[in-house]
Amino acid sequence: MRHTEFWQRLEAALGSGYARSWAQMFVMADLGGRTAQQALDAGESPKDVWAAVWAALELPASER
């Protein structure tokens, strides 16, 4: 997964106006106590970050 796909999926889940803010503010244990943005900035794979986001948002399996 590329960064662009990650952001497209997050915007589809949360809306374009809220996705970036959420990614900067919501801390997830699955990402070692970091936000999605912090994890991406640290070099984590967008696929791994998406897996944590998917679980945190309790999205349907079709969005995995």
C-alpha atoms as a PDB file:
ATOM      1  CA  MET A   1       0.000   0.000   0.000  1.00  0.00           C
ATOM      2  CA  ARG A   2       1.257   3.458  -0.873  1.00  0.00           C
ATOM      3  CA  HIS A   3       0.815   6.562   1.240  1.00  0.00           C
ATOM      4  CA  THR A   4      -1.729   7.928  -1.232  1.00  0.00           C
ATOM      5  CA  GLU A   5      -3.895   4.840  -0.866  1.00  0.00           C
ATOM      6  CA  PHE A   6      -3.642   5.054   2.922  1.00  0.00           C
ATOM      7  CA  TRP A   7      -4.896   8.655   2.873  1.00  0.00           C
ATOM      8  CA  GLN A   8      -7.652   7.831   0.388  1.00  0.00           C
ATOM      9  CA  ARG A   9      -8.900   5.034   2.617  1.00  0.00           C
ATOM     10  CA  LEU A  10      -8.763   7.176   5.736  1.00  0.00           C
ATOM     11  CA  GLU A  11     -10.644   9.989   4.000  1.00  0.00           C
ATOM     12  CA  ALA A  12     -13.261   7.504   2.814  1.00  0.00           C
ATOM     13  CA  ALA A  13     -13.701   6.263   6.383  1.00  0.00           C
ATOM     14  CA  LEU A  14     -13.696   9.616   8.190  1.00  0.00           C
ATOM     15  CA  GLY A  15     -14.298  12.283   5.570  1.00  0.00           C
ATOM     16  CA  SER A  16     -11.772  14.540   3.919  1.00  0.00           C
ATOM     17  CA  GLY A  17     -12.168  17.297   6.494  1.00  0.00           C
ATOM     18  CA  TYR A  18     -11.478  15.108   9.513  1.00  0.00           C
ATOM     19  CA  ALA A  19      -9.072  12.386   8.348  1.00  0.00           C
ATOM     20  CA  ARG A  20      -5.829  14.380   8.640  1.00  0.00           C
ATOM     21  CA  SER A  21      -6.772  15.829  12.027  1.00  0.00           C
ATOM     22  CA  TRP A  22      -7.670  12.392  13.355  1.00  0.00           C
ATOM     23  CA  ALA A  23      -4.390  10.953  12.055  1.00  0.00           C
ATOM     24  CA  GLN A  24      -2.492  13.651  13.955  1.00  0.00           C
ATOM     25  CA  MET A  25      -4.422  13.382  17.233  1.00  0.00           C
ATOM     26  CA  PHE A  26      -5.620   9.802  17.837  1.00  0.00           C
ATOM     27  CA  VAL A  27      -3.008   7.727  19.690  1.00  0.00           C
ATOM     28  CA  MET A  28      -3.107   3.963  19.147  1.00  0.00           C
ATOM     29  CA  ALA A  29      -1.557   1.261  21.313  1.00  0.00           C
ATOM     30  CA  ASP A  30      -1.085  -0.888  18.187  1.00  0.00           C
ATOM     31  CA  LEU A  31       1.323   1.772  16.919  1.00  0.00           C
ATOM     32  CA  GLY A  32       3.352   1.885  20.112  1.00  0.00           C
ATOM     33  CA  GLY A  33       1.475   4.819  21.588  1.00  0.00           C
ATOM     34  CA  ARG A  34       1.815   6.924  18.459  1.00  0.00           C
ATOM     35  CA  THR A  35      -0.623   8.521  16.098  1.00  0.00           C
ATOM     36  CA  ALA A  36      -0.985   7.344  12.512  1.00  0.00           C
ATOM     37  CA  GLN A  37       0.875  10.437  11.336  1.00  0.00           C
ATOM     38  CA  GLN A  38       3.743   9.854  13.775  1.00  0.00           C
ATOM     39  CA  ALA A  39       4.027   6.223  12.713  1.00  0.00           C
ATOM     40  CA  LEU A  40       4.108   7.155   9.024  1.00  0.00           C
ATOM     41  CA  ASP A  41       6.650   9.905   9.692  1.00  0.00           C
ATOM     42  CA  ALA A  42       8.815   7.356  11.537  1.00  0.00           C
ATOM     43  CA  GLY A  43       8.879   5.135   8.459  1.00  0.00           C
ATOM     44  CA  GLU A  44       6.238   2.569   9.360  1.00  0.00           C
ATOM     45  CA  SER A  45       4.624   0.871   6.396  1.00  0.00           C
ATOM     46  CA  PRO A  46       1.311   2.470   5.387  1.00  0.00           C
ATOM     47  CA  LYS A  47      -0.107  -1.061   5.262  1.00  0.00           C
ATOM     48  CA  ASP A  48       0.815  -1.662   8.913  1.00  0.00           C
ATOM     49  CA  VAL A  49      -0.512   1.734   9.946  1.00  0.00           C
ATOM     50  CA  TRP A  50      -3.741   1.047   8.068  1.00  0.00           C
ATOM     51  CA  ALA A  51      -4.141  -2.254   9.934  1.00  0.00           C
ATOM     52  CA  ALA A  52      -3.984  -0.358  13.238  1.00  0.00           C
ATOM     53  CA  VAL A  53      -6.397   2.311  11.967  1.00  0.00           C
ATOM     54  CA  TRP A  54      -8.768  -0.349  10.664  1.00  0.00           C
ATOM     55  CA  ALA A  55      -8.849  -2.013  14.081  1.00  0.00           C
ATOM     56  CA  ALA A  56      -9.188   1.250  16.011  1.00  0.00           C
ATOM     57  CA  LEU A  57     -12.102   2.430  13.881  1.00  0.00           C
ATOM     58  CA  GLU A  58     -13.699  -1.031  13.893  1.00  0.00           C
ATOM     59  CA  LEU A  59     -14.186  -0.865  10.148  1.00  0.00           C
ATOM     60  CA  PRO A  60     -15.826  -3.738   8.261  1.00  0.00           C
ATOM     61  CA  ALA A  61     -13.710  -6.586   6.943  1.00  0.00           C
ATOM     62  CA  SER A  62     -14.282  -5.308   3.406  1.00  0.00           C
ATOM     63  CA  GLU A  63     -12.205  -2.229   4.285  1.00  0.00           C
ATOM     64  CA  ARG A  64      -9.229  -4.245   5.470  1.00  0.00           C
END
